[in-house]
Amino acid sequence: MKLINIEVDSIHSSNSIEHTLVNLIRIGQAKIIRLVEKKHKIVPKNYYRKFWSVLGMSTFGLPLGVVVGVVIMENIGMLAIGLPLGMIIGHAVGSIMDKKAFKEGRQLNIDLKNGL
């Protein structure tokens, strides 16, 4: 876990002002969470829900919007209707994965409010 120590040391040694220090901490936090998730599959609460909500909009929502808006209704303005549908699908998939991580004991008892 040398990379975690390096990231923490870089934050500690920073001479940034308050606003940029907050951003530096968020970036470092995201790097550490991604590293721990990749190597050990340990995640904070709602990690997968947040991740899949965004992924669902782009993976499922846009194609659904094309099908519903352009093909079925022949109105390009209806393309945006797929985004909330994709977000709901992604939210459901992420919630299932979060529950699985909790049951397997791979979930940290923290909920990161700011950024990932």
N, C-alpha and C. Protein backbone atom coordinates (compact mmCIF):
# COMPACT_ATOMS: atom_id res chain seq x y z
N MET A 1 0.82 -1.20 0.00
CA MET A 1 0.00 0.00 0.00
C MET A 1 0.86 1.26 0.00
N LYS A 2 1.99 1.13 -0.62
CA LYS A 2 2.91 2.26 -0.73
C LYS A 2 2.27 3.43 -1.46
N LEU A 3 1.41 3.12 -2.44
CA LEU A 3 0.75 4.19 -3.20
C LEU A 3 -0.17 5.04 -2.33
N ILE A 4 -0.81 4.43 -1.36
CA ILE A 4 -1.68 5.18 -0.45
C ILE A 4 -0.84 6.14 0.38
N ASN A 5 0.27 5.66 0.89
CA ASN A 5 1.15 6.53 1.68
C ASN A 5 1.70 7.68 0.84
N ILE A 6 2.04 7.39 -0.40
CA ILE A 6 2.54 8.44 -1.29
C ILE A 6 1.47 9.51 -1.51
N GLU A 7 0.22 9.07 -1.73
CA GLU A 7 -0.88 10.00 -1.95
C GLU A 7 -1.13 10.86 -0.71
N VAL A 8 -1.14 10.25 0.45
CA VAL A 8 -1.34 10.99 1.70
C VAL A 8 -0.19 11.97 1.93
N ASP A 9 1.03 11.54 1.69
CA ASP A 9 2.19 12.43 1.86
C ASP A 9 2.12 13.62 0.92
N SER A 10 1.65 13.40 -0.31
CA SER A 10 1.55 14.52 -1.26
C SER A 10 0.51 15.54 -0.80
N ILE A 11 -0.54 15.07 -0.16
CA ILE A 11 -1.55 15.99 0.37
C ILE A 11 -0.98 16.76 1.57
N HIS A 12 -0.28 16.06 2.44
CA HIS A 12 0.31 16.71 3.62
C HIS A 12 1.36 17.74 3.25
N SER A 13 2.11 17.48 2.21
CA SER A 13 3.19 18.39 1.84
C SER A 13 2.73 19.54 0.94
N SER A 14 1.46 19.58 0.62
CA SER A 14 0.93 20.61 -0.27
C SER A 14 0.88 21.96 0.44
N ASN A 15 1.16 23.00 -0.31
CA ASN A 15 1.08 24.38 0.19
C ASN A 15 -0.14 25.10 -0.39
N SER A 16 -1.13 24.33 -0.80
CA SER A 16 -2.31 24.89 -1.47
C SER A 16 -3.16 25.71 -0.51
N ILE A 17 -3.88 26.66 -1.09
CA ILE A 17 -4.85 27.42 -0.30
C ILE A 17 -6.08 26.54 -0.08
N GLU A 18 -7.01 26.98 0.74
CA GLU A 18 -8.12 26.14 1.19
C GLU A 18 -8.92 25.50 0.06
N HIS A 19 -9.32 26.27 -0.93
CA HIS A 19 -10.15 25.75 -2.02
C HIS A 19 -9.43 24.67 -2.82
N THR A 20 -8.20 24.94 -3.19
CA THR A 20 -7.47 23.94 -3.97
C THR A 20 -7.05 22.75 -3.11
N LEU A 21 -6.89 22.96 -1.80
CA LEU A 21 -6.57 21.86 -0.90
C LEU A 21 -7.75 20.89 -0.82
N VAL A 22 -8.95 21.42 -0.78
CA VAL A 22 -10.15 20.57 -0.75
C VAL A 22 -10.20 19.73 -2.03
N ASN A 23 -9.94 20.34 -3.17
CA ASN A 23 -9.93 19.61 -4.43
C ASN A 23 -8.83 18.56 -4.46
N LEU A 24 -7.67 18.90 -3.93
CA LEU A 24 -6.56 17.96 -3.87
C LEU A 24 -6.92 16.75 -2.99
N ILE A 25 -7.60 17.01 -1.89
CA ILE A 25 -8.04 15.92 -1.00
C ILE A 25 -9.06 15.03 -1.71
N ARG A 26 -10.00 15.63 -2.42
CA ARG A 26 -11.01 14.84 -3.15
C ARG A 26 -10.37 13.96 -4.21
N ILE A 27 -9.42 14.51 -4.93
CA ILE A 27 -8.73 13.74 -5.97
C ILE A 27 -7.94 12.60 -5.34
N GLY A 28 -7.23 12.89 -4.26
CA GLY A 28 -6.47 11.86 -3.57
C GLY A 28 -7.37 10.77 -3.00
N GLN A 29 -8.49 11.18 -2.45
CA GLN A 29 -9.47 10.24 -1.90
C GLN A 29 -9.99 9.31 -2.99
N ALA A 30 -10.32 9.88 -4.13
CA ALA A 30 -10.83 9.07 -5.24
C ALA A 30 -9.78 8.07 -5.72
N LYS A 31 -8.52 8.51 -5.79
CA LYS A 31 -7.45 7.60 -6.21
C LYS A 31 -7.30 6.44 -5.24
N ILE A 32 -7.34 6.74 -3.95
CA ILE A 32 -7.18 5.71 -2.93
C ILE A 32 -8.36 4.73 -2.98
N ILE A 33 -9.57 5.24 -3.11
CA ILE A 33 -10.75 4.36 -3.17
C ILE A 33 -10.68 3.46 -4.39
N ARG A 34 -10.29 4.01 -5.55
CA ARG A 34 -10.17 3.19 -6.76
C ARG A 34 -9.11 2.11 -6.59
N LEU A 35 -8.00 2.46 -5.96
CA LEU A 35 -6.93 1.50 -5.74
C LEU A 35 -7.39 0.35 -4.83
N VAL A 36 -8.04 0.69 -3.73
CA VAL A 36 -8.51 -0.33 -2.79
C VAL A 36 -9.60 -1.19 -3.44
N GLU A 37 -10.45 -0.58 -4.26
CA GLU A 37 -11.50 -1.34 -4.94
C GLU A 37 -10.89 -2.31 -5.96
N LYS A 38 -9.92 -1.86 -6.71
CA LYS A 38 -9.29 -2.72 -7.72
C LYS A 38 -8.52 -3.87 -7.11
N LYS A 39 -7.73 -3.58 -6.09
CA LYS A 39 -6.85 -4.62 -5.52
C LYS A 39 -7.58 -5.56 -4.57
N HIS A 40 -8.51 -5.01 -3.76
CA HIS A 40 -9.10 -5.81 -2.69
C HIS A 40 -10.62 -5.93 -2.78
N LYS A 41 -11.22 -5.25 -3.74
CA LYS A 41 -12.68 -5.25 -3.92
C LYS A 41 -13.41 -4.74 -2.68
N ILE A 42 -12.77 -3.85 -1.93
CA ILE A 42 -13.38 -3.24 -0.75
C ILE A 42 -13.84 -1.84 -1.16
N VAL A 43 -15.10 -1.53 -0.85
CA VAL A 43 -15.69 -0.27 -1.30
C VAL A 43 -16.44 0.41 -0.15
N PRO A 44 -16.60 1.74 -0.23
CA PRO A 44 -17.44 2.44 0.76
C PRO A 44 -18.92 2.21 0.45
N LYS A 45 -19.78 2.61 1.36
CA LYS A 45 -21.22 2.48 1.14
C LYS A 45 -21.63 3.22 -0.12
N ASN A 46 -22.56 2.67 -0.84
CA ASN A 46 -23.17 3.27 -2.04
C ASN A 46 -22.18 3.52 -3.18
N TYR A 47 -21.02 2.89 -3.15
CA TYR A 47 -20.03 3.06 -4.21
C TYR A 47 -20.58 2.60 -5.55
N TYR A 48 -21.07 1.39 -5.58
CA TYR A 48 -21.57 0.85 -6.85
C TYR A 48 -22.83 1.57 -7.30
N ARG A 49 -23.69 1.99 -6.39
CA ARG A 49 -24.90 2.71 -6.77
C ARG A 49 -24.55 4.01 -7.49
N LYS A 50 -23.60 4.76 -6.93
CA LYS A 50 -23.19 6.02 -7.55
C LYS A 50 -22.53 5.76 -8.91
N PHE A 51 -21.66 4.76 -8.94
CA PHE A 51 -20.94 4.44 -10.17
C PHE A 51 -21.91 3.99 -11.27
N TRP A 52 -22.81 3.08 -10.95
CA TRP A 52 -23.72 2.53 -11.95
C TRP A 52 -24.83 3.49 -12.34
N SER A 53 -25.18 4.45 -11.49
CA SER A 53 -26.19 5.44 -11.89
C SER A 53 -25.70 6.24 -13.09
N VAL A 54 -24.46 6.66 -13.03
CA VAL A 54 -23.88 7.41 -14.14
C VAL A 54 -23.67 6.50 -15.35
N LEU A 55 -23.14 5.32 -15.10
CA LEU A 55 -22.89 4.37 -16.18
C LEU A 55 -24.20 3.95 -16.85
N GLY A 56 -25.25 3.80 -16.07
CA GLY A 56 -26.56 3.41 -16.61
C GLY A 56 -27.12 4.44 -17.58
N MET A 57 -26.89 5.72 -17.28
CA MET A 57 -27.38 6.76 -18.18
C MET A 57 -26.72 6.67 -19.55
N SER A 58 -25.42 6.42 -19.54
CA SER A 58 -24.72 6.38 -20.83
C SER A 58 -24.84 5.02 -21.52
N THR A 59 -24.83 3.93 -20.73
CA THR A 59 -24.86 2.60 -21.32
C THR A 59 -26.26 2.17 -21.73
N PHE A 60 -27.22 2.42 -20.85
CA PHE A 60 -28.60 1.99 -21.13
C PHE A 60 -29.48 3.15 -21.59
N GLY A 61 -29.29 4.32 -20.97
CA GLY A 61 -30.18 5.45 -21.22
C GLY A 61 -30.14 5.99 -22.63
N LEU A 62 -28.95 6.24 -23.14
CA LEU A 62 -28.86 6.80 -24.50
C LEU A 62 -29.41 5.84 -25.56
N PRO A 63 -29.05 4.54 -25.53
CA PRO A 63 -29.66 3.64 -26.51
C PRO A 63 -31.18 3.54 -26.37
N LEU A 64 -31.68 3.52 -25.12
CA LEU A 64 -33.13 3.50 -24.93
C LEU A 64 -33.77 4.77 -25.47
N GLY A 65 -33.11 5.90 -25.24
CA GLY A 65 -33.62 7.16 -25.75
C GLY A 65 -33.67 7.18 -27.26
N VAL A 66 -32.68 6.60 -27.91
CA VAL A 66 -32.67 6.53 -29.37
C VAL A 66 -33.83 5.66 -29.86
N VAL A 67 -34.01 4.52 -29.21
CA VAL A 67 -35.08 3.61 -29.62
C VAL A 67 -36.44 4.25 -29.42
N VAL A 68 -36.67 4.79 -28.22
CA VAL A 68 -37.97 5.38 -27.92
C VAL A 68 -38.18 6.68 -28.69
N GLY A 69 -37.22 7.57 -28.62
CA GLY A 69 -37.40 8.90 -29.20
C GLY A 69 -37.33 8.95 -30.70
N VAL A 70 -36.37 8.30 -31.28
CA VAL A 70 -36.15 8.44 -32.71
C VAL A 70 -36.90 7.37 -33.50
N VAL A 71 -36.74 6.13 -33.10
CA VAL A 71 -37.32 5.03 -33.88
C VAL A 71 -38.83 4.92 -33.69
N ILE A 72 -39.28 4.86 -32.44
CA ILE A 72 -40.71 4.63 -32.18
C ILE A 72 -41.52 5.90 -32.38
N MET A 73 -41.12 7.02 -31.75
CA MET A 73 -41.92 8.23 -31.79
C MET A 73 -41.54 9.17 -32.92
N GLU A 74 -40.42 8.90 -33.58
CA GLU A 74 -39.92 9.72 -34.67
C GLU A 74 -39.78 11.20 -34.28
N ASN A 75 -39.30 11.41 -33.06
CA ASN A 75 -39.11 12.76 -32.56
C ASN A 75 -37.79 12.79 -31.80
N ILE A 76 -36.81 13.47 -32.33
CA ILE A 76 -35.48 13.52 -31.72
C ILE A 76 -35.53 14.17 -30.35
N GLY A 77 -36.53 14.98 -30.08
CA GLY A 77 -36.68 15.62 -28.79
C GLY A 77 -36.95 14.64 -27.66
N MET A 78 -37.44 13.46 -28.01
CA MET A 78 -37.75 12.44 -27.01
C MET A 78 -36.51 11.60 -26.66
N LEU A 79 -35.38 11.93 -27.24
CA LEU A 79 -34.13 11.22 -26.97
C LEU A 79 -33.78 11.26 -25.48
N ALA A 80 -34.06 12.38 -24.84
CA ALA A 80 -33.71 12.57 -23.44
C ALA A 80 -34.52 11.71 -22.49
N ILE A 81 -35.59 11.11 -22.95
CA ILE A 81 -36.42 10.28 -22.07
C ILE A 81 -35.66 9.02 -21.62
N GLY A 82 -34.67 8.62 -22.36
CA GLY A 82 -33.91 7.44 -21.99
C GLY A 82 -32.95 7.65 -20.84
N LEU A 83 -32.50 8.89 -20.62
CA LEU A 83 -31.54 9.16 -19.54
C LEU A 83 -32.07 8.81 -18.16
N PRO A 84 -33.27 9.25 -17.78
CA PRO A 84 -33.76 8.84 -16.45
C PRO A 84 -34.02 7.34 -16.36
N LEU A 85 -34.44 6.74 -17.47
CA LEU A 85 -34.64 5.28 -17.47
C LEU A 85 -33.31 4.56 -17.24
N GLY A 86 -32.26 5.01 -17.91
CA GLY A 86 -30.94 4.43 -17.72
C GLY A 86 -30.41 4.64 -16.32
N MET A 87 -30.70 5.82 -15.75
CA MET A 87 -30.26 6.09 -14.39
C MET A 87 -30.96 5.15 -13.40
N ILE A 88 -32.24 4.89 -13.61
CA ILE A 88 -32.98 3.98 -12.74
C ILE A 88 -32.43 2.56 -12.86
N ILE A 89 -32.15 2.13 -14.07
CA ILE A 89 -31.58 0.79 -14.27
C ILE A 89 -30.21 0.71 -13.60
N GLY A 90 -29.37 1.71 -13.81
CA GLY A 90 -28.04 1.74 -13.20
C GLY A 90 -28.11 1.78 -11.68
N HIS A 91 -29.05 2.55 -11.16
CA HIS A 91 -29.24 2.64 -9.72
C HIS A 91 -29.62 1.27 -9.14
N ALA A 92 -30.50 0.56 -9.83
CA ALA A 92 -30.91 -0.77 -9.37
C ALA A 92 -29.74 -1.75 -9.41
N VAL A 93 -28.99 -1.76 -10.50
CA VAL A 93 -27.83 -2.66 -10.61
C VAL A 93 -26.81 -2.34 -9.52
N GLY A 94 -26.52 -1.06 -9.32
CA GLY A 94 -25.56 -0.65 -8.30
C GLY A 94 -26.01 -1.01 -6.90
N SER A 95 -27.30 -0.87 -6.61
CA SER A 95 -27.82 -1.23 -5.29
C SER A 95 -27.68 -2.72 -5.03
N ILE A 96 -27.92 -3.53 -6.05
CA ILE A 96 -27.74 -4.98 -5.92
C ILE A 96 -26.28 -5.30 -5.62
N MET A 97 -25.36 -4.64 -6.34
CA MET A 97 -23.94 -4.88 -6.11
C MET A 97 -23.49 -4.41 -4.73
N ASP A 98 -24.05 -3.29 -4.24
CA ASP A 98 -23.74 -2.81 -2.89
C ASP A 98 -24.22 -3.80 -1.84
N LYS A 99 -25.42 -4.35 -2.02
CA LYS A 99 -25.93 -5.34 -1.07
C LYS A 99 -25.05 -6.59 -1.07
N LYS A 100 -24.61 -7.00 -2.25
CA LYS A 100 -23.73 -8.17 -2.34
C LYS A 100 -22.41 -7.90 -1.62
N ALA A 101 -21.84 -6.71 -1.82
CA ALA A 101 -20.58 -6.36 -1.16
C ALA A 101 -20.77 -6.33 0.36
N PHE A 102 -21.92 -5.85 0.83
CA PHE A 102 -22.19 -5.82 2.27
C PHE A 102 -22.27 -7.24 2.83
N LYS A 103 -22.99 -8.11 2.13
CA LYS A 103 -23.13 -9.50 2.60
C LYS A 103 -21.79 -10.22 2.63
N GLU A 104 -20.92 -9.90 1.69
CA GLU A 104 -19.61 -10.55 1.62
C GLU A 104 -18.59 -9.89 2.54
N GLY A 105 -18.98 -8.83 3.23
CA GLY A 105 -18.07 -8.14 4.16
C GLY A 105 -17.02 -7.30 3.47
N ARG A 106 -17.32 -6.81 2.26
CA ARG A 106 -16.36 -6.02 1.49
C ARG A 106 -16.73 -4.54 1.48
N GLN A 107 -17.62 -4.12 2.39
CA GLN A 107 -18.08 -2.75 2.38
C GLN A 107 -17.60 -2.02 3.63
N LEU A 108 -16.96 -0.87 3.43
CA LEU A 108 -16.53 -0.04 4.53
C LEU A 108 -17.72 0.69 5.13
N ASN A 109 -17.68 0.96 6.40
CA ASN A 109 -18.80 1.63 7.07
C ASN A 109 -18.66 3.15 6.96
N ILE A 110 -18.39 3.63 5.75
CA ILE A 110 -18.33 5.07 5.49
C ILE A 110 -19.10 5.35 4.20
N ASP A 111 -19.68 6.54 4.14
CA ASP A 111 -20.38 6.96 2.93
C ASP A 111 -19.72 8.26 2.48
N LEU A 112 -19.02 8.20 1.37
CA LEU A 112 -18.32 9.38 0.87
C LEU A 112 -19.31 10.30 0.18
N LYS A 113 -19.50 11.48 0.74
CA LYS A 113 -20.47 12.43 0.20
C LYS A 113 -19.91 13.19 -1.00
N ASN A 114 -18.62 13.45 -1.00
CA ASN A 114 -18.04 14.30 -2.03
C ASN A 114 -17.24 13.49 -3.01
N GLY A 115 -17.70 13.51 -4.20
CA GLY A 115 -17.02 13.06 -5.38
C GLY A 115 -16.41 11.69 -5.46
N LEU A 116 -16.54 11.04 -6.47
CA LEU A 116 -15.83 9.85 -6.92
C LEU A 116 -15.86 9.86 -8.41
